[in-house]
Amino acid sequence: MIILKAERKIPGRPNYLKSFILTITGILVTALGIGANSLAIAIFGTIVLVMGVTTETIYRTMEYYLCNTTQ
């Protein structure tokens, strides 16, 4: 876990819990779609899963670069 300095925090920081819930929901919906042999539900679940994972990844990348660059 990267510890942020107070003065370098990014405004509008996304909630980690939100991306975690999106990820778990995406996995469950995808599994439901595959189990029910429904391609549409599986694709929707995959999209939700990708949304959850990318939110987390993009934020962590921004956090890393903003906190580890010298100006």
N, C-alpha and C. Protein backbone atom coordinates (compact mmCIF):
# COMPACT_ATOMS: atom_id res chain seq x y z
N MET A 1 0.85 -1.19 0.00
CA MET A 1 0.00 0.00 0.00
C MET A 1 0.88 1.24 0.00
N ILE A 2 0.58 2.14 -0.91
CA ILE A 2 1.36 3.36 -1.02
C ILE A 2 0.79 4.40 -0.06
N ILE A 3 1.63 4.95 0.77
CA ILE A 3 1.18 5.98 1.71
C ILE A 3 1.38 7.35 1.06
N LEU A 4 0.30 8.09 0.99
CA LEU A 4 0.34 9.40 0.33
C LEU A 4 0.74 10.49 1.32
N LYS A 5 1.51 11.46 0.84
CA LYS A 5 1.75 12.66 1.63
C LYS A 5 0.48 13.50 1.55
N ALA A 6 0.16 14.19 2.62
CA ALA A 6 -1.10 14.93 2.68
C ALA A 6 -1.22 15.97 1.57
N GLU A 7 -0.10 16.63 1.22
CA GLU A 7 -0.19 17.70 0.22
C GLU A 7 -0.22 17.18 -1.21
N ARG A 8 0.04 15.88 -1.42
CA ARG A 8 0.08 15.34 -2.79
C ARG A 8 -1.14 14.50 -3.15
N LYS A 9 -2.18 14.53 -2.30
CA LYS A 9 -3.35 13.70 -2.57
C LYS A 9 -4.06 14.14 -3.84
N ILE A 10 -4.59 13.17 -4.56
CA ILE A 10 -5.31 13.47 -5.79
C ILE A 10 -6.76 13.80 -5.43
N PRO A 11 -7.28 14.93 -5.91
CA PRO A 11 -8.69 15.23 -5.64
C PRO A 11 -9.60 14.25 -6.37
N GLY A 12 -10.73 13.93 -5.77
CA GLY A 12 -11.67 13.02 -6.40
C GLY A 12 -11.21 11.59 -6.36
N ARG A 13 -10.55 11.19 -5.29
CA ARG A 13 -10.03 9.83 -5.14
C ARG A 13 -11.18 8.81 -5.14
N PRO A 14 -11.15 7.81 -6.03
CA PRO A 14 -12.23 6.83 -6.06
C PRO A 14 -12.18 5.92 -4.83
N ASN A 15 -13.33 5.43 -4.47
CA ASN A 15 -13.45 4.57 -3.31
C ASN A 15 -12.97 3.16 -3.67
N TYR A 16 -12.02 2.63 -2.88
CA TYR A 16 -11.52 1.28 -3.15
C TYR A 16 -12.62 0.23 -2.99
N LEU A 17 -13.53 0.46 -2.05
CA LEU A 17 -14.62 -0.49 -1.80
C LEU A 17 -15.51 -0.59 -3.03
N LYS A 18 -15.75 0.56 -3.69
CA LYS A 18 -16.60 0.57 -4.88
C LYS A 18 -16.00 -0.29 -5.99
N SER A 19 -14.71 -0.15 -6.25
CA SER A 19 -14.10 -0.95 -7.31
C SER A 19 -14.04 -2.43 -6.92
N PHE A 20 -13.88 -2.71 -5.63
CA PHE A 20 -13.88 -4.10 -5.15
C PHE A 20 -15.25 -4.73 -5.38
N ILE A 21 -16.32 -3.98 -5.03
CA ILE A 21 -17.68 -4.49 -5.21
C ILE A 21 -17.98 -4.69 -6.69
N LEU A 22 -17.55 -3.74 -7.55
CA LEU A 22 -17.73 -3.89 -8.99
C LEU A 22 -17.04 -5.15 -9.51
N THR A 23 -15.84 -5.40 -9.01
CA THR A 23 -15.08 -6.57 -9.45
C THR A 23 -15.79 -7.87 -9.05
N ILE A 24 -16.20 -7.95 -7.79
CA ILE A 24 -16.89 -9.16 -7.30
C ILE A 24 -18.20 -9.37 -8.04
N THR A 25 -18.97 -8.28 -8.24
CA THR A 25 -20.24 -8.38 -8.96
C THR A 25 -20.01 -8.84 -10.38
N GLY A 26 -18.96 -8.32 -11.02
CA GLY A 26 -18.63 -8.75 -12.38
C GLY A 26 -18.33 -10.22 -12.47
N ILE A 27 -17.58 -10.74 -11.50
CA ILE A 27 -17.26 -12.17 -11.49
C ILE A 27 -18.54 -13.00 -11.33
N LEU A 28 -19.40 -12.59 -10.41
CA LEU A 28 -20.64 -13.34 -10.15
C LEU A 28 -21.58 -13.32 -11.35
N VAL A 29 -21.76 -12.14 -11.96
CA VAL A 29 -22.66 -12.02 -13.11
C VAL A 29 -22.12 -12.81 -14.30
N THR A 30 -20.80 -12.78 -14.50
CA THR A 30 -20.20 -13.56 -15.58
C THR A 30 -20.42 -15.05 -15.36
N ALA A 31 -20.23 -15.51 -14.13
CA ALA A 31 -20.45 -16.92 -13.81
C ALA A 31 -21.91 -17.30 -14.02
N LEU A 32 -22.81 -16.39 -13.65
CA LEU A 32 -24.25 -16.64 -13.85
C LEU A 32 -24.57 -16.76 -15.33
N GLY A 33 -23.99 -15.86 -16.13
CA GLY A 33 -24.23 -15.89 -17.57
C GLY A 33 -23.70 -17.16 -18.22
N ILE A 34 -22.52 -17.60 -17.79
CA ILE A 34 -21.95 -18.83 -18.35
C ILE A 34 -22.79 -20.03 -17.92
N GLY A 35 -23.22 -20.03 -16.65
CA GLY A 35 -24.03 -21.14 -16.14
C GLY A 35 -25.38 -21.23 -16.84
N ALA A 36 -25.94 -20.08 -17.19
CA ALA A 36 -27.26 -20.07 -17.83
C ALA A 36 -27.15 -20.14 -19.35
N ASN A 37 -25.93 -20.32 -19.87
CA ASN A 37 -25.68 -20.35 -21.32
C ASN A 37 -26.19 -19.09 -22.01
N SER A 38 -26.07 -17.95 -21.33
CA SER A 38 -26.52 -16.69 -21.91
C SER A 38 -25.32 -15.81 -22.20
N LEU A 39 -25.05 -15.60 -23.47
CA LEU A 39 -23.88 -14.80 -23.87
C LEU A 39 -24.03 -13.34 -23.44
N ALA A 40 -25.25 -12.80 -23.53
CA ALA A 40 -25.47 -11.38 -23.19
C ALA A 40 -25.13 -11.11 -21.72
N ILE A 41 -25.61 -11.99 -20.82
CA ILE A 41 -25.34 -11.80 -19.39
C ILE A 41 -23.85 -11.95 -19.11
N ALA A 42 -23.21 -12.91 -19.76
CA ALA A 42 -21.78 -13.13 -19.56
C ALA A 42 -20.97 -11.91 -20.02
N ILE A 43 -21.35 -11.34 -21.16
CA ILE A 43 -20.64 -10.16 -21.68
C ILE A 43 -20.85 -8.96 -20.74
N PHE A 44 -22.09 -8.78 -20.26
CA PHE A 44 -22.37 -7.69 -19.32
C PHE A 44 -21.53 -7.85 -18.05
N GLY A 45 -21.45 -9.07 -17.53
CA GLY A 45 -20.65 -9.33 -16.33
C GLY A 45 -19.18 -9.04 -16.56
N THR A 46 -18.69 -9.39 -17.74
CA THR A 46 -17.29 -9.14 -18.07
C THR A 46 -17.02 -7.64 -18.11
N ILE A 47 -17.95 -6.86 -18.68
CA ILE A 47 -17.79 -5.41 -18.75
C ILE A 47 -17.74 -4.81 -17.34
N VAL A 48 -18.63 -5.27 -16.46
CA VAL A 48 -18.63 -4.78 -15.07
C VAL A 48 -17.33 -5.13 -14.38
N LEU A 49 -16.85 -6.35 -14.61
CA LEU A 49 -15.59 -6.81 -14.02
C LEU A 49 -14.43 -5.93 -14.49
N VAL A 50 -14.37 -5.67 -15.78
CA VAL A 50 -13.29 -4.84 -16.34
C VAL A 50 -13.36 -3.42 -15.76
N MET A 51 -14.58 -2.89 -15.60
CA MET A 51 -14.75 -1.56 -15.01
C MET A 51 -14.16 -1.51 -13.60
N GLY A 52 -14.47 -2.53 -12.80
CA GLY A 52 -13.96 -2.57 -11.43
C GLY A 52 -12.45 -2.65 -11.39
N VAL A 53 -11.87 -3.50 -12.21
CA VAL A 53 -10.42 -3.70 -12.21
C VAL A 53 -9.70 -2.46 -12.74
N THR A 54 -10.23 -1.86 -13.83
CA THR A 54 -9.54 -0.71 -14.42
C THR A 54 -9.58 0.50 -13.52
N THR A 55 -10.68 0.72 -12.81
CA THR A 55 -10.75 1.87 -11.90
C THR A 55 -9.62 1.78 -10.89
N GLU A 56 -9.46 0.60 -10.32
CA GLU A 56 -8.41 0.37 -9.33
C GLU A 56 -7.02 0.56 -9.94
N THR A 57 -6.80 -0.04 -11.09
CA THR A 57 -5.48 0.00 -11.74
C THR A 57 -5.09 1.42 -12.13
N ILE A 58 -6.01 2.14 -12.78
CA ILE A 58 -5.72 3.50 -13.22
C ILE A 58 -5.39 4.37 -12.01
N TYR A 59 -6.17 4.23 -10.94
CA TYR A 59 -5.91 5.06 -9.78
C TYR A 59 -4.55 4.75 -9.16
N ARG A 60 -4.25 3.47 -9.00
CA ARG A 60 -2.96 3.10 -8.40
C ARG A 60 -1.79 3.58 -9.25
N THR A 61 -1.94 3.52 -10.57
CA THR A 61 -0.87 4.00 -11.46
C THR A 61 -0.67 5.50 -11.29
N MET A 62 -1.78 6.26 -11.28
CA MET A 62 -1.69 7.71 -11.09
C MET A 62 -1.05 8.03 -9.75
N GLU A 63 -1.48 7.30 -8.72
CA GLU A 63 -0.97 7.51 -7.37
C GLU A 63 0.54 7.27 -7.34
N TYR A 64 0.98 6.21 -7.99
CA TYR A 64 2.40 5.86 -8.01
C TYR A 64 3.22 6.95 -8.69
N TYR A 65 2.76 7.37 -9.88
CA TYR A 65 3.54 8.36 -10.62
C TYR A 65 3.53 9.73 -9.95
N LEU A 66 2.39 10.12 -9.39
CA LEU A 66 2.34 11.45 -8.77
C LEU A 66 3.13 11.50 -7.47
N CYS A 67 3.19 10.36 -6.77
CA CYS A 67 3.88 10.37 -5.47
C CYS A 67 5.37 10.10 -5.61
N ASN A 68 5.80 9.53 -6.73
CA ASN A 68 7.20 9.14 -6.85
C ASN A 68 7.99 9.99 -7.85
N THR A 69 7.38 11.05 -8.32
CA THR A 69 8.13 11.92 -9.23
C THR A 69 8.64 13.12 -8.45
N THR A 70 9.84 13.56 -8.76
CA THR A 70 10.39 14.73 -8.09
C THR A 70 10.17 15.94 -9.00
N GLN A 71 9.82 17.04 -8.38
CA GLN A 71 9.56 18.24 -9.17
C GLN A 71 10.50 19.35 -8.77
